[in-house]
Amino acid sequence: MTMAPGEFTELGYHVADGVATVALNRPDRRNAWSGRMAVEYRWALHHADTDPAVRVVVLTGAGRDFCIGADSGALDAINAAAGAYAPEKLPLPPYPDGAPEGMRRNHLVPLLVSTPVIAALHGACAGAGFVLATYCDFRFAASDARITTSFAKLGLPAEYGIGWLLPRQIGLINAAQLLYTAEVCDGGRAHELGWVQQVHDADAVLSAAQAFARTLARHSSGESLRTMKRQLMVDAWGSFDDAYTRSVADMNAGLKHPDMREGLAALKEKRPPDFLGSGT
C-alpha cells in the first residue's frame, strides 16, 4: 500500500526545479512531532528518493516554528502508561534499495535516501525536532532560532542514536555541552558549534536553503550526489578497505555515466554544467 503526497494531512510536499520542499504542517501545534507525521515523513523521503525529478530535499516547518518536539499530549499519555507506547499502525514504505540491515531504522532513512536533505530551521527546534534536523545533511538556521536538545530537562537520554551521531558531526565535547545542559542556542551559537552550516534572517532562511538546493540540483551531478551520499552516510561507517574498493567500482561506473558527458561538455564550453537541462 502506497501513501501519495496528496494523502498527507500533517506534511506538505511540493517539487520544483529538482527540489522537493517538505513542510511539517501542524502549525496550530507548533509542528509537534506525531506518529502520523513520522509515517508521512518516511513516505515523503521515499517519493523523493524514487522520483527522478527530485535531486535535493528541503525540510521546513509551516508557521512560526520548525518543530517544538514530541506532541505533549502523546508524552502525557506515555507518562500515564508508565512509559508504554504503541507505534503508529499506518503502512510504511520500503527502505531504500541496498540499505544495510543494521541501518534499517526509521530515523536513519534521511541518511539512506539518495538525495541530500537540508533542514531550514526557524523558531523552535527542540527534542524530536532536534533529532529530525540532526539526521539531515545540512542545517540552515534563522539567527533568532531557538535550538535545544531538551532531553536532560525531561529526564530522557539522547534519543534515537543522537548520542552516537552528534559527536561525529560537532565533536565529543560540543555534543556533551548540548546534551548535558540542554542549553537553548540561537542560530549563531549553533553555527559556532558546527551543527548549523548557514545562518540567515528568519524571513530568508527557507529561501536560502531552497536556493542552495536548486544550485546542487542543477550544477552537481545527480549520479554524483547519489553515490557520494552513500559513500559518506553508509560506506564510511564500515571498513576503509571496503569503502576504498567500492569507490573504485563507483569511479569506473561514473566514467560511463551520461552525467560525465555533460560535465566534460561544460568544462570545454567554459560554462556551468546543467544536469537538469541535460536530462540526466
Protein backbone atom coordinates (compact mmCIF):
# COMPACT_ATOMS: atom_id res chain seq x y z
CA MET A 1 0.00 0.00 0.00
CA THR A 2 1.35 3.43 -1.01
CA MET A 3 0.66 6.78 0.65
CA ALA A 4 0.72 9.51 -2.00
CA PRO A 5 1.65 13.12 -1.08
CA GLY A 6 -1.95 14.12 -1.77
CA GLU A 7 -2.97 11.95 1.19
CA PHE A 8 -0.67 13.72 3.65
CA THR A 9 -2.52 15.54 6.42
CA GLU A 10 0.44 16.62 8.58
CA LEU A 11 3.04 17.30 5.89
CA GLY A 12 3.24 19.48 2.79
CA TYR A 13 5.12 18.21 -0.27
CA HIS A 14 5.99 20.23 -3.37
CA VAL A 15 8.51 19.61 -6.18
CA ALA A 16 10.05 22.32 -8.39
CA ASP A 17 13.42 22.77 -10.12
CA GLY A 18 14.74 19.44 -8.90
CA VAL A 19 13.94 20.23 -5.25
CA ALA A 20 11.26 18.65 -3.05
CA THR A 21 10.20 21.01 -0.27
CA VAL A 22 8.76 19.07 2.66
CA ALA A 23 6.96 21.12 5.32
CA LEU A 24 5.91 19.86 8.74
CA ASN A 25 2.32 21.06 8.74
CA ARG A 26 0.78 21.24 12.19
CA PRO A 27 1.26 24.97 12.79
CA ASP A 28 -1.54 25.07 15.36
CA ARG A 29 0.55 22.61 17.43
CA ARG A 30 3.83 24.35 16.53
CA ASN A 31 4.61 21.32 14.35
CA ALA A 32 4.80 18.98 17.33
CA TRP A 33 6.05 15.58 16.16
CA SER A 34 3.37 12.88 15.99
CA GLY A 35 3.18 9.26 14.92
CA ARG A 36 1.34 10.15 11.72
CA MET A 37 3.83 12.90 10.89
CA ALA A 38 6.66 10.37 11.27
CA VAL A 39 4.96 7.99 8.83
CA GLU A 40 4.25 10.75 6.33
CA TYR A 41 7.89 11.89 6.53
CA ARG A 42 9.02 8.36 5.68
CA TRP A 43 6.71 8.41 2.65
CA ALA A 44 7.89 11.90 1.61
CA LEU A 45 11.50 10.72 1.65
CA HIS A 46 10.51 7.57 -0.26
CA HIS A 47 8.86 9.64 -3.01
CA ALA A 48 11.86 11.98 -3.20
CA ASP A 49 14.25 9.02 -3.33
CA THR A 50 12.39 7.27 -6.15
CA ASP A 51 11.34 10.30 -8.22
CA PRO A 52 13.95 11.09 -10.91
CA ALA A 53 12.73 14.71 -10.92
CA VAL A 54 13.96 15.17 -7.32
CA ARG A 55 17.66 15.70 -6.64
CA VAL A 56 17.55 17.51 -3.25
CA VAL A 57 15.09 17.76 -0.32
CA VAL A 58 14.49 20.87 1.81
CA LEU A 59 12.75 20.25 5.14
CA THR A 60 11.00 23.13 6.90
CA GLY A 61 8.08 23.84 9.22
CA ALA A 62 4.83 25.67 8.49
CA GLY A 63 4.07 28.66 10.68
CA ARG A 64 6.40 30.20 13.24
CA ASP A 65 8.36 27.09 14.31
CA PHE A 66 10.30 24.22 12.79
CA CYS A 67 9.25 21.62 15.41
CA ILE A 68 8.86 22.04 19.16
CA GLY A 69 9.44 18.33 19.81
CA ALA A 70 7.13 15.43 20.52
CA ASP A 71 3.46 16.22 20.95
CA SER A 72 2.87 16.97 24.63
CA GLY A 73 -0.39 15.03 24.57
CA ALA A 74 1.46 11.92 23.43
CA LEU A 75 4.10 12.45 26.13
CA ASP A 76 1.38 12.78 28.78
CA ALA A 77 -0.20 9.52 27.59
CA ILE A 78 3.17 7.74 27.70
CA ASN A 79 3.80 9.05 31.21
CA ALA A 80 0.36 7.92 32.36
CA ALA A 81 1.09 4.46 30.91
CA ALA A 82 4.36 4.24 32.85
CA GLY A 83 6.47 4.62 29.72
CA ALA A 84 4.49 2.32 27.42
CA TYR A 85 3.52 3.49 23.96
CA ALA A 86 2.06 1.99 20.79
CA PRO A 87 3.67 2.70 17.40
CA GLU A 88 1.62 4.23 14.58
CA LYS A 89 -0.16 1.48 12.59
CA LEU A 90 -0.14 3.19 9.20
CA PRO A 91 1.81 1.35 6.46
CA LEU A 92 5.43 2.35 5.89
CA PRO A 93 7.33 2.40 2.59
CA PRO A 94 10.21 0.01 1.96
CA TYR A 95 13.71 1.07 2.95
CA PRO A 96 15.86 2.41 0.11
CA ASP A 97 17.45 -0.23 -2.11
CA GLY A 98 20.73 -1.50 -0.73
CA ALA A 99 20.15 -0.18 2.79
CA PRO A 100 22.31 -2.24 5.18
CA GLU A 101 20.29 -4.36 7.59
CA GLY A 102 21.77 -2.59 10.62
CA MET A 103 20.70 0.83 9.29
CA ARG A 104 17.07 -0.06 8.61
CA ARG A 105 15.70 2.26 11.27
CA ASN A 106 13.06 4.96 10.86
CA HIS A 107 15.27 7.85 11.92
CA LEU A 108 18.17 6.74 9.70
CA VAL A 109 16.19 6.94 6.45
CA PRO A 110 17.39 10.53 5.74
CA LEU A 111 20.93 9.11 5.70
CA LEU A 112 19.94 6.29 3.35
CA VAL A 113 17.99 8.13 0.67
CA SER A 114 19.86 9.20 -2.46
CA THR A 115 19.01 12.90 -2.12
CA PRO A 116 20.78 15.38 0.19
CA VAL A 117 18.35 16.66 2.84
CA ILE A 118 18.65 20.28 4.02
CA ALA A 119 16.83 21.47 7.14
CA ALA A 120 15.65 25.11 7.17
CA LEU A 121 15.19 25.95 10.85
CA HIS A 122 13.20 28.84 12.28
CA GLY A 123 11.53 29.44 15.61
CA ALA A 124 11.73 26.47 17.96
CA CYS A 125 13.70 23.33 17.10
CA ALA A 126 13.66 21.11 20.16
CA GLY A 127 13.73 17.47 21.23
CA ALA A 128 12.33 15.36 18.40
CA GLY A 129 12.78 18.37 16.11
CA PHE A 130 16.48 18.46 17.01
CA VAL A 131 16.73 14.74 16.21
CA LEU A 132 14.98 15.29 12.88
CA ALA A 133 17.36 18.11 11.91
CA THR A 134 20.47 16.24 13.08
CA TYR A 135 19.75 13.44 10.60
CA CYS A 136 19.74 15.94 7.72
CA ASP A 137 22.85 16.55 5.61
CA PHE A 138 22.89 20.31 6.21
CA ARG A 139 21.18 22.75 8.53
CA PHE A 140 20.38 26.39 7.70
CA ALA A 141 19.04 28.34 10.69
CA ALA A 142 17.41 31.66 11.43
CA SER A 143 19.61 33.91 13.54
CA ASP A 144 16.88 34.03 16.21
CA ALA A 145 16.00 30.31 16.10
CA ARG A 146 15.70 28.58 19.48
CA ILE A 147 17.51 25.25 19.27
CA THR A 148 17.79 22.77 22.13
CA THR A 149 18.19 19.04 22.65
CA SER A 150 15.66 19.18 25.56
CA PHE A 151 16.30 15.61 26.75
CA ALA A 152 18.17 16.26 30.00
CA LYS A 153 15.46 18.63 31.22
CA LEU A 154 12.81 15.95 30.60
CA GLY A 155 14.68 13.11 32.31
CA LEU A 156 15.38 11.43 28.95
CA PRO A 157 18.55 10.08 27.33
CA ALA A 158 19.90 11.17 23.96
CA GLU A 159 17.26 9.63 21.71
CA TYR A 160 17.37 7.58 18.52
CA GLY A 161 21.13 7.34 18.08
CA ILE A 162 21.85 11.05 18.61
CA GLY A 163 24.48 10.20 21.25
CA TRP A 164 26.38 8.36 18.50
CA LEU A 165 25.76 10.71 15.56
CA LEU A 166 26.09 14.16 17.15
CA PRO A 167 29.73 13.76 18.33
CA ARG A 168 30.67 12.73 14.79
CA GLN A 169 29.20 15.96 13.49
CA ILE A 170 30.42 18.52 16.03
CA GLY A 171 32.91 16.70 18.29
CA LEU A 172 32.52 14.95 21.62
CA ILE A 173 32.79 17.99 23.92
CA ASN A 174 30.40 20.16 21.91
CA ALA A 175 27.92 17.28 21.79
CA ALA A 176 28.22 16.82 25.55
CA GLN A 177 27.60 20.54 26.05
CA LEU A 178 24.37 20.44 24.04
CA LEU A 179 23.15 17.16 25.55
CA TYR A 180 24.11 17.59 29.21
CA THR A 181 22.88 21.17 29.59
CA ALA A 182 20.05 21.28 27.04
CA GLU A 183 21.05 24.91 26.53
CA VAL A 184 18.92 26.94 24.15
CA CYS A 185 21.06 28.10 21.21
CA ASP A 186 20.25 30.72 18.63
CA GLY A 187 21.35 30.17 15.04
CA GLY A 188 24.68 31.90 15.59
CA ARG A 189 25.60 29.77 18.59
CA ALA A 190 24.62 26.56 16.76
CA HIS A 191 26.80 27.72 13.86
CA GLU A 192 29.76 28.28 16.20
CA LEU A 193 29.40 24.69 17.40
CA GLY A 194 29.36 23.44 13.80
CA TRP A 195 25.84 21.99 13.90
CA VAL A 196 24.43 24.72 11.63
CA GLN A 197 26.12 25.47 8.30
CA GLN A 198 24.49 28.80 7.38
CA VAL A 199 22.66 31.50 9.38
CA HIS A 200 20.13 33.91 7.88
CA ASP A 201 17.37 36.27 8.95
CA ALA A 202 14.19 34.41 9.85
CA ASP A 203 12.34 35.55 6.73
CA ALA A 204 15.22 34.47 4.46
CA VAL A 205 16.30 31.09 5.82
CA LEU A 206 13.91 28.96 3.75
CA SER A 207 14.64 30.82 0.51
CA ALA A 208 18.38 30.49 1.18
CA ALA A 209 18.06 26.75 1.74
CA GLN A 210 15.98 26.37 -1.41
CA ALA A 211 18.45 28.42 -3.46
CA PHE A 212 21.32 26.25 -2.23
CA ALA A 213 19.25 23.14 -3.04
CA ARG A 214 18.48 24.38 -6.55
CA THR A 215 22.18 25.03 -7.15
CA LEU A 216 23.01 21.49 -6.06
CA ALA A 217 20.21 20.05 -8.18
CA ARG A 218 21.28 21.85 -11.35
CA HIS A 219 25.05 22.12 -11.13
CA SER A 220 26.03 18.95 -9.25
CA SER A 221 25.57 15.63 -11.00
CA GLY A 222 22.59 13.70 -9.67
CA GLU A 223 24.59 10.50 -10.04
CA SER A 224 27.50 12.03 -8.12
CA LEU A 225 25.18 13.19 -5.33
CA ARG A 226 23.57 9.76 -5.04
CA THR A 227 26.90 7.97 -4.94
CA MET A 228 28.65 10.42 -2.63
CA LYS A 229 25.77 10.36 -0.18
CA ARG A 230 26.01 6.59 0.06
CA GLN A 231 29.80 6.84 0.45
CA LEU A 232 29.50 9.38 3.28
CA MET A 233 26.47 8.04 5.11
CA VAL A 234 26.81 4.27 4.62
CA ASP A 235 30.24 3.21 3.36
CA ALA A 236 32.13 5.46 5.79
CA TRP A 237 30.77 3.54 8.79
CA GLY A 238 32.28 0.27 7.51
CA SER A 239 35.91 -0.63 6.93
CA PHE A 240 38.25 1.56 4.90
CA ASP A 241 39.14 -1.41 2.74
CA ASP A 242 35.52 -1.98 1.74
CA ALA A 243 34.91 1.74 1.21
CA TYR A 244 38.00 2.10 -0.97
CA THR A 245 37.20 -0.96 -3.05
CA ARG A 246 33.63 0.22 -3.61
CA SER A 247 34.83 3.74 -4.51
CA VAL A 248 36.92 2.31 -7.34
CA ALA A 249 33.86 0.49 -8.68
CA ASP A 250 31.90 3.74 -8.33
CA MET A 251 34.56 5.62 -10.29
CA ASN A 252 34.54 3.07 -13.11
CA ALA A 253 30.74 3.29 -13.28
CA GLY A 254 30.88 7.09 -13.26
CA LEU A 255 33.22 7.14 -16.23
CA LYS A 256 30.45 5.53 -18.29
CA HIS A 257 27.54 7.59 -16.95
CA PRO A 258 25.86 10.29 -19.10
CA ASP A 259 26.48 12.88 -16.37
CA MET A 260 30.18 12.77 -17.17
CA ARG A 261 29.45 13.75 -20.78
CA GLU A 262 27.59 16.84 -19.58
CA GLY A 263 30.36 17.68 -17.11
CA LEU A 264 33.06 17.42 -19.76
CA ALA A 265 31.00 19.39 -22.28
CA ALA A 266 30.51 22.20 -19.75
CA LEU A 267 34.22 22.21 -18.98
CA LYS A 268 35.14 22.52 -22.68
CA GLU A 269 32.50 25.19 -23.29
CA LYS A 270 33.55 27.14 -20.19
CA ARG A 271 30.03 27.15 -18.70
CA PRO A 272 28.44 25.75 -15.54
CA PRO A 273 27.14 22.20 -16.02
CA ASP A 274 23.37 21.86 -16.24
CA PHE A 275 22.42 18.38 -15.10
CA LEU A 276 18.71 19.20 -15.02
CA GLY A 277 18.68 20.67 -18.50
CA SER A 278 20.68 17.78 -19.91
CA GLY A 279 18.01 15.34 -18.76
CA THR A 280 20.50 13.13 -16.89
